[in-house]
Amino acid sequence: MIISAVIPAYNEEERIESVIIPALNSNIISNIIVVDDGSDDSTSDVVLKYDNIDLIKMNKNCGKAAATKRGIEYCLSKKSDIIILLDADLIGLTTKHIELLTLPVLDKGYDMTIGIFKSGRLITDLAQLIAPNLSGQRAMKAYIANEILDLQITGYGIEMSISKLIKKHNLNVHNVVLENVGQITKEEKIGFIKGVMWRIKMYKDIVKHWIE
């Protein structure tokens, strides 16, 4: 059973090791793929410190959807059976969390899991309480990941598009609580004004894919 983890990343040099290290320490992950989505910082240099990670560098910033799909393509070319998706800016992620996310798909027959934050950071806890299906932390069987490649998605509409895929195929999905895990907000990364502009764009992407 080949289990692969995909980590799409854009300008995450200060945070990505907090996701890489727990993934490397997991006994159930066969390989880790980081997709550097055209970063203009040292994200790729940080990844290259680790010999057993596959780095894919996008020539330009194409958005989370494109980076995620590129990582999935690579996993499928390596005959992965289960694909895990992890955001690169998580706080508090442990190897145990990754296993909790993966084992229901591996051992209990679920098609997909969705990781839901709890007791991590209030702002991200609330966001996922309101819209749990927008979580970027997932594990899924390879055939579902293959379906994602056929979705016409851009920007940050990928989670919404996956939710529509779940409904379309009536997939057996299990929500997994990720205690003490949170996420850095865009406002913290790039400043309040730029962060708010990014958030507006993200919500536009989500609404666009919801009504299509």
C-alpha atoms as a PDB file:
ATOM      1  CA  MET A   1       0.000   0.000   0.000  1.00  0.00           C
ATOM      2  CA  ILE A   2       1.586   3.259  -1.154  1.00  0.00           C
ATOM      3  CA  ILE A   3       0.519   6.313   0.860  1.00  0.00           C
ATOM      4  CA  SER A   4       1.694   9.689  -0.398  1.00  0.00           C
ATOM      5  CA  ALA A   5       1.449  13.136   1.173  1.00  0.00           C
ATOM      6  CA  VAL A   6       1.107  16.237  -1.016  1.00  0.00           C
ATOM      7  CA  ILE A   7       1.997  19.629   0.441  1.00  0.00           C
ATOM      8  CA  PRO A   8       1.277  22.609  -1.868  1.00  0.00           C
ATOM      9  CA  ALA A   9       3.288  25.617  -0.740  1.00  0.00           C
ATOM     10  CA  TYR A  10       3.689  29.261  -1.674  1.00  0.00           C
ATOM     11  CA  ASN A  11       6.163  31.413   0.271  1.00  0.00           C
ATOM     12  CA  GLU A  12       6.163  29.141   3.316  1.00  0.00           C
ATOM     13  CA  GLU A  13       9.876  29.101   4.173  1.00  0.00           C
ATOM     14  CA  GLU A  14       9.184  29.949   7.823  1.00  0.00           C
ATOM     15  CA  ARG A  15       6.410  27.401   8.348  1.00  0.00           C
ATOM     16  CA  ILE A  16       6.730  24.393   6.064  1.00  0.00           C
ATOM     17  CA  GLU A  17       9.109  22.427   8.303  1.00  0.00           C
ATOM     18  CA  SER A  18       6.345  22.228  10.910  1.00  0.00           C
ATOM     19  CA  VAL A  19       4.432  20.115   8.386  1.00  0.00           C
ATOM     20  CA  ILE A  20       7.352  18.294   6.771  1.00  0.00           C
ATOM     21  CA  ILE A  21       8.831  16.939  10.012  1.00  0.00           C
ATOM     22  CA  PRO A  22       5.672  15.184  11.318  1.00  0.00           C
ATOM     23  CA  ALA A  23       5.125  13.722   7.849  1.00  0.00           C
ATOM     24  CA  LEU A  24       8.695  12.423   7.734  1.00  0.00           C
ATOM     25  CA  ASN A  25       8.263  10.854  11.166  1.00  0.00           C
ATOM     26  CA  SER A  26       5.163   8.917  10.123  1.00  0.00           C
ATOM     27  CA  ASN A  27       5.629   5.210   9.537  1.00  0.00           C
ATOM     28  CA  ILE A  28       2.616   5.004   7.244  1.00  0.00           C
ATOM     29  CA  ILE A  29       3.681   7.581   4.642  1.00  0.00           C
ATOM     30  CA  SER A  30       5.605   6.138   1.704  1.00  0.00           C
ATOM     31  CA  ASN A  31       6.622   9.425   0.110  1.00  0.00           C
ATOM     32  CA  ILE A  32       6.189  13.165   0.529  1.00  0.00           C
ATOM     33  CA  ILE A  33       5.732  15.572  -2.359  1.00  0.00           C
ATOM     34  CA  VAL A  34       6.080  19.319  -1.890  1.00  0.00           C
ATOM     35  CA  VAL A  35       4.809  21.449  -4.769  1.00  0.00           C
ATOM     36  CA  ASP A  36       6.425  24.872  -4.640  1.00  0.00           C
ATOM     37  CA  ASP A  37       3.857  27.063  -6.367  1.00  0.00           C
ATOM     38  CA  GLY A  38       6.285  29.646  -7.768  1.00  0.00           C
ATOM     39  CA  SER A  39       7.516  30.923  -4.403  1.00  0.00           C
ATOM     40  CA  ASP A  40       9.799  33.949  -4.380  1.00  0.00           C
ATOM     41  CA  ASP A  41      11.254  33.098  -0.982  1.00  0.00           C
ATOM     42  CA  SER A  42      13.410  30.146   0.153  1.00  0.00           C
ATOM     43  CA  THR A  43      10.638  27.545   0.414  1.00  0.00           C
ATOM     44  CA  SER A  44      12.374  25.194  -2.041  1.00  0.00           C
ATOM     45  CA  ASP A  45      15.725  25.588  -0.278  1.00  0.00           C
ATOM     46  CA  VAL A  46      14.142  24.509   3.002  1.00  0.00           C
ATOM     47  CA  VAL A  47      12.607  21.443   1.331  1.00  0.00           C
ATOM     48  CA  LEU A  48      15.918  20.508  -0.300  1.00  0.00           C
ATOM     49  CA  LYS A  49      17.468  20.102   3.157  1.00  0.00           C
ATOM     50  CA  TYR A  50      15.603  16.790   3.325  1.00  0.00           C
ATOM     51  CA  ASP A  51      16.835  14.060   0.977  1.00  0.00           C
ATOM     52  CA  ASN A  52      13.697  11.925   1.104  1.00  0.00           C
ATOM     53  CA  ILE A  53      11.204  14.516  -0.131  1.00  0.00           C
ATOM     54  CA  ASP A  54      10.223  14.947  -3.776  1.00  0.00           C
ATOM     55  CA  LEU A  55      10.172  18.634  -4.735  1.00  0.00           C
ATOM     56  CA  ILE A  56       8.165  19.889  -7.703  1.00  0.00           C
ATOM     57  CA  LYS A  57       8.802  23.526  -8.629  1.00  0.00           C
ATOM     58  CA  MET A  58       6.164  25.406 -10.590  1.00  0.00           C
ATOM     59  CA  ASN A  59       7.608  28.019 -12.953  1.00  0.00           C
ATOM     60  CA  LYS A  60       5.164  30.635 -11.717  1.00  0.00           C
ATOM     61  CA  ASN A  61       2.502  31.045  -9.060  1.00  0.00           C
ATOM     62  CA  CYS A  62      -0.548  29.239 -10.457  1.00  0.00           C
ATOM     63  CA  GLY A  63      -2.673  28.949  -7.309  1.00  0.00           C
ATOM     64  CA  LYS A  64      -3.458  26.235  -4.808  1.00  0.00           C
ATOM     65  CA  ALA A  65      -5.709  24.239  -7.131  1.00  0.00           C
ATOM     66  CA  ALA A  66      -3.042  23.923  -9.839  1.00  0.00           C
ATOM     67  CA  ALA A  67      -0.330  23.057  -7.321  1.00  0.00           C
ATOM     68  CA  THR A  68      -2.504  20.424  -5.668  1.00  0.00           C
ATOM     69  CA  LYS A  69      -3.425  18.852  -8.992  1.00  0.00           C
ATOM     70  CA  ARG A  70       0.250  18.750  -9.999  1.00  0.00           C
ATOM     71  CA  GLY A  71       1.065  16.903  -6.786  1.00  0.00           C
ATOM     72  CA  ILE A  72      -1.796  14.457  -7.335  1.00  0.00           C
ATOM     73  CA  GLU A  73      -0.610  13.772 -10.890  1.00  0.00           C
ATOM     74  CA  TYR A  74       2.821  12.916  -9.549  1.00  0.00           C
ATOM     75  CA  CYS A  75       1.377  10.596  -6.899  1.00  0.00           C
ATOM     76  CA  LEU A  76      -0.752   8.758  -9.430  1.00  0.00           C
ATOM     77  CA  SER A  77       2.275   8.305 -11.692  1.00  0.00           C
ATOM     78  CA  LYS A  78       3.933   6.573  -8.716  1.00  0.00           C
ATOM     79  CA  LYS A  79       0.884   4.288  -8.265  1.00  0.00           C
ATOM     80  CA  SER A  80      -0.136   5.740  -4.918  1.00  0.00           C
ATOM     81  CA  ASP A  81      -3.105   3.997  -3.262  1.00  0.00           C
ATOM     82  CA  ILE A  82      -3.946   6.762  -0.781  1.00  0.00           C
ATOM     83  CA  ILE A  83      -3.145  10.460  -1.127  1.00  0.00           C
ATOM     84  CA  ILE A  84      -2.986  12.848   1.824  1.00  0.00           C
ATOM     85  CA  LEU A  85      -3.352  16.606   1.297  1.00  0.00           C
ATOM     86  CA  LEU A  86      -1.760  18.901   3.882  1.00  0.00           C
ATOM     87  CA  ASP A  87      -1.510  22.685   3.919  1.00  0.00           C
ATOM     88  CA  ALA A  88       2.002  24.062   4.370  1.00  0.00           C
ATOM     89  CA  ASP A  89       1.142  26.592   7.095  1.00  0.00           C
ATOM     90  CA  LEU A  90      -0.237  24.353   9.831  1.00  0.00           C
ATOM     91  CA  ILE A  91       0.548  24.901  13.498  1.00  0.00           C
ATOM     92  CA  GLY A  92       0.643  22.035  15.973  1.00  0.00           C
ATOM     93  CA  LEU A  93       0.517  19.193  13.445  1.00  0.00           C
ATOM     94  CA  THR A  94       1.905  15.896  14.743  1.00  0.00           C
ATOM     95  CA  THR A  95       2.519  12.456  13.316  1.00  0.00           C
ATOM     96  CA  LYS A  96      -0.490  11.257  15.335  1.00  0.00           C
ATOM     97  CA  HIS A  97      -2.747  13.748  13.533  1.00  0.00           C
ATOM     98  CA  ILE A  98      -1.581  12.469  10.153  1.00  0.00           C
ATOM     99  CA  GLU A  99      -2.297   8.890  11.206  1.00  0.00           C
ATOM    100  CA  LEU A 100      -5.747   9.832  12.524  1.00  0.00           C
ATOM    101  CA  LEU A 101      -6.468  11.425   9.153  1.00  0.00           C
ATOM    102  CA  THR A 102      -5.270   8.411   7.179  1.00  0.00           C
ATOM    103  CA  LEU A 103      -6.291   5.285   9.085  1.00  0.00           C
ATOM    104  CA  PRO A 104     -10.064   5.518   8.425  1.00  0.00           C
ATOM    105  CA  VAL A 105      -9.299   5.347   4.682  1.00  0.00           C
ATOM    106  CA  LEU A 106      -6.645   2.673   5.138  1.00  0.00           C
ATOM    107  CA  ASP A 107      -8.459   0.381   7.573  1.00  0.00           C
ATOM    108  CA  LYS A 108     -12.141   1.281   7.797  1.00  0.00           C
ATOM    109  CA  GLY A 109     -13.293   1.536   4.206  1.00  0.00           C
ATOM    110  CA  TYR A 110     -13.906   5.281   4.022  1.00  0.00           C
ATOM    111  CA  ASP A 111     -13.344   6.948   0.653  1.00  0.00           C
ATOM    112  CA  MET A 112     -12.079  10.172   2.187  1.00  0.00           C
ATOM    113  CA  THR A 113     -11.430  11.920   5.483  1.00  0.00           C
ATOM    114  CA  ILE A 114     -11.585  15.639   6.238  1.00  0.00           C
ATOM    115  CA  GLY A 115      -9.494  17.068   9.068  1.00  0.00           C
ATOM    116  CA  ILE A 116     -11.344  19.523  11.320  1.00  0.00           C
ATOM    117  CA  PHE A 117      -9.412  21.839  13.643  1.00  0.00           C
ATOM    118  CA  LYS A 118     -10.312  21.912  17.335  1.00  0.00           C
ATOM    119  CA  SER A 119      -8.684  23.711  20.271  1.00  0.00           C
ATOM    120  CA  GLY A 120      -5.932  25.075  18.061  1.00  0.00           C
ATOM    121  CA  ARG A 121      -6.525  28.738  17.199  1.00  0.00           C
ATOM    122  CA  LEU A 122      -9.887  30.381  17.742  1.00  0.00           C
ATOM    123  CA  ILE A 123     -10.018  32.026  14.304  1.00  0.00           C
ATOM    124  CA  THR A 124      -9.363  28.795  12.378  1.00  0.00           C
ATOM    125  CA  ASP A 125     -11.514  26.724  14.740  1.00  0.00           C
ATOM    126  CA  LEU A 126     -14.460  29.043  14.043  1.00  0.00           C
ATOM    127  CA  ALA A 127     -13.867  29.026  10.285  1.00  0.00           C
ATOM    128  CA  GLN A 128     -14.028  25.232  10.158  1.00  0.00           C
ATOM    129  CA  LEU A 129     -16.972  25.081  12.529  1.00  0.00           C
ATOM    130  CA  ILE A 130     -18.877  27.236  10.046  1.00  0.00           C
ATOM    131  CA  ALA A 131     -17.598  25.499   6.897  1.00  0.00           C
ATOM    132  CA  PRO A 132     -15.869  22.183   7.670  1.00  0.00           C
ATOM    133  CA  ASN A 133     -15.827  21.147   4.020  1.00  0.00           C
ATOM    134  CA  LEU A 134     -13.351  23.926   3.254  1.00  0.00           C
ATOM    135  CA  SER A 135     -10.585  22.180   5.179  1.00  0.00           C
ATOM    136  CA  GLY A 136      -7.424  21.521   3.175  1.00  0.00           C
ATOM    137  CA  GLN A 137      -6.450  18.521   5.318  1.00  0.00           C
ATOM    138  CA  ARG A 138      -7.684  15.329   3.675  1.00  0.00           C
ATOM    139  CA  ALA A 139      -6.840  11.723   2.943  1.00  0.00           C
ATOM    140  CA  MET A 140      -8.456   9.949   0.000  1.00  0.00           C
ATOM    141  CA  LYS A 141      -8.341   6.879  -2.161  1.00  0.00           C
ATOM    142  CA  ALA A 142      -6.450   7.259  -5.413  1.00  0.00           C
ATOM    143  CA  TYR A 143      -9.480   6.907  -7.675  1.00  0.00           C
ATOM    144  CA  ILE A 144     -11.020   9.991  -6.074  1.00  0.00           C
ATOM    145  CA  ALA A 145      -7.800  11.944  -6.509  1.00  0.00           C
ATOM    146  CA  ASN A 146      -7.870  10.958 -10.167  1.00  0.00           C
ATOM    147  CA  GLU A 147     -11.355  12.498 -10.468  1.00  0.00           C
ATOM    148  CA  ILE A 148     -10.014  15.767  -9.039  1.00  0.00           C
ATOM    149  CA  LEU A 149      -7.667  16.072 -12.008  1.00  0.00           C
ATOM    150  CA  ASP A 150     -10.692  16.360 -14.301  1.00  0.00           C
ATOM    151  CA  LEU A 151     -12.279  19.189 -12.308  1.00  0.00           C
ATOM    152  CA  GLN A 152     -12.119  22.657 -13.843  1.00  0.00           C
ATOM    153  CA  ILE A 153     -10.914  24.547 -10.802  1.00  0.00           C
ATOM    154  CA  THR A 154      -8.787  27.593 -10.163  1.00  0.00           C
ATOM    155  CA  GLY A 155      -7.406  29.399  -7.141  1.00  0.00           C
ATOM    156  CA  TYR A 156      -8.973  28.425  -3.840  1.00  0.00           C
ATOM    157  CA  GLY A 157     -12.065  26.718  -5.201  1.00  0.00           C
ATOM    158  CA  ILE A 158     -10.531  23.272  -4.889  1.00  0.00           C
ATOM    159  CA  GLU A 159     -12.083  22.360  -1.529  1.00  0.00           C
ATOM    160  CA  MET A 160     -15.530  23.434  -2.724  1.00  0.00           C
ATOM    161  CA  SER A 161     -15.100  21.439  -5.930  1.00  0.00           C
ATOM    162  CA  ILE A 162     -14.092  18.368  -3.929  1.00  0.00           C
ATOM    163  CA  SER A 163     -17.219  18.816  -1.805  1.00  0.00           C
ATOM    164  CA  LYS A 164     -19.332  18.767  -4.967  1.00  0.00           C
ATOM    165  CA  LEU A 165     -17.488  15.623  -6.062  1.00  0.00           C
ATOM    166  CA  ILE A 166     -18.335  13.990  -2.731  1.00  0.00           C
ATOM    167  CA  LYS A 167     -22.013  14.747  -3.232  1.00  0.00           C
ATOM    168  CA  LYS A 168     -22.019  13.668  -6.877  1.00  0.00           C
ATOM    169  CA  HIS A 169     -20.586  10.220  -6.152  1.00  0.00           C
ATOM    170  CA  ASN A 170     -22.134   9.831  -2.682  1.00  0.00           C
ATOM    171  CA  LEU A 171     -18.702   9.141  -1.214  1.00  0.00           C
ATOM    172  CA  ASN A 172     -18.257   7.645   2.229  1.00  0.00           C
ATOM    173  CA  VAL A 173     -16.546  10.503   4.077  1.00  0.00           C
ATOM    174  CA  HIS A 174     -15.437  10.718   7.697  1.00  0.00           C
ATOM    175  CA  ASN A 175     -14.604  13.931   9.577  1.00  0.00           C
ATOM    176  CA  VAL A 176     -11.532  13.617  11.787  1.00  0.00           C
ATOM    177  CA  VAL A 177     -10.995  16.036  14.675  1.00  0.00           C
ATOM    178  CA  LEU A 178      -7.436  17.391  14.733  1.00  0.00           C
ATOM    179  CA  GLU A 179      -6.974  18.552  18.314  1.00  0.00           C
ATOM    180  CA  ASN A 180      -4.637  21.510  18.910  1.00  0.00           C
ATOM    181  CA  VAL A 181      -4.002  22.094  15.201  1.00  0.00           C
ATOM    182  CA  GLY A 182      -4.418  25.546  13.697  1.00  0.00           C
ATOM    183  CA  GLN A 183      -3.283  27.609  10.752  1.00  0.00           C
ATOM    184  CA  ILE A 184      -1.536  30.908  10.108  1.00  0.00           C
ATOM    185  CA  THR A 185      -3.891  33.432   8.539  1.00  0.00           C
ATOM    186  CA  LYS A 186      -3.019  35.342   5.386  1.00  0.00           C
ATOM    187  CA  GLU A 187      -3.373  38.592   7.317  1.00  0.00           C
ATOM    188  CA  GLU A 188      -0.532  37.442   9.576  1.00  0.00           C
ATOM    189  CA  LYS A 189       1.635  36.409   6.632  1.00  0.00           C
ATOM    190  CA  ILE A 190       1.354  39.419   4.360  1.00  0.00           C
ATOM    191  CA  GLY A 191      -0.284  42.163   6.424  1.00  0.00           C
ATOM    192  CA  PHE A 192      -3.869  43.084   7.162  1.00  0.00           C
ATOM    193  CA  ILE A 193      -4.827  44.951   3.961  1.00  0.00           C
ATOM    194  CA  LYS A 194      -3.219  42.472   1.551  1.00  0.00           C
ATOM    195  CA  GLY A 195      -4.595  39.627   3.648  1.00  0.00           C
ATOM    196  CA  VAL A 196      -8.132  40.958   3.436  1.00  0.00           C
ATOM    197  CA  MET A 197      -7.794  41.362  -0.338  1.00  0.00           C
ATOM    198  CA  TRP A 198      -6.576  37.777  -0.597  1.00  0.00           C
ATOM    199  CA  ARG A 199      -9.480  36.565   1.568  1.00  0.00           C
ATOM    200  CA  ILE A 200     -11.997  38.342  -0.677  1.00  0.00           C
ATOM    201  CA  LYS A 201     -10.446  36.619  -3.702  1.00  0.00           C
ATOM    202  CA  MET A 202     -10.566  33.271  -1.926  1.00  0.00           C
ATOM    203  CA  TYR A 203     -14.264  33.655  -1.109  1.00  0.00           C
ATOM    204  CA  LYS A 204     -14.966  34.700  -4.703  1.00  0.00           C
ATOM    205  CA  ASP A 205     -13.280  31.492  -5.906  1.00  0.00           C
ATOM    206  CA  ILE A 206     -15.324  29.454  -3.450  1.00  0.00           C
ATOM    207  CA  VAL A 207     -18.630  31.087  -4.435  1.00  0.00           C
ATOM    208  CA  LYS A 208     -17.795  30.750  -8.119  1.00  0.00           C
ATOM    209  CA  HIS A 209     -17.293  27.006  -7.846  1.00  0.00           C
ATOM    210  CA  TRP A 210     -20.317  26.612  -5.586  1.00  0.00           C
ATOM    211  CA  ILE A 211     -22.749  28.115  -8.104  1.00  0.00           C
ATOM    212  CA  GLU A 212     -21.250  26.488 -11.216  1.00  0.00           C
END
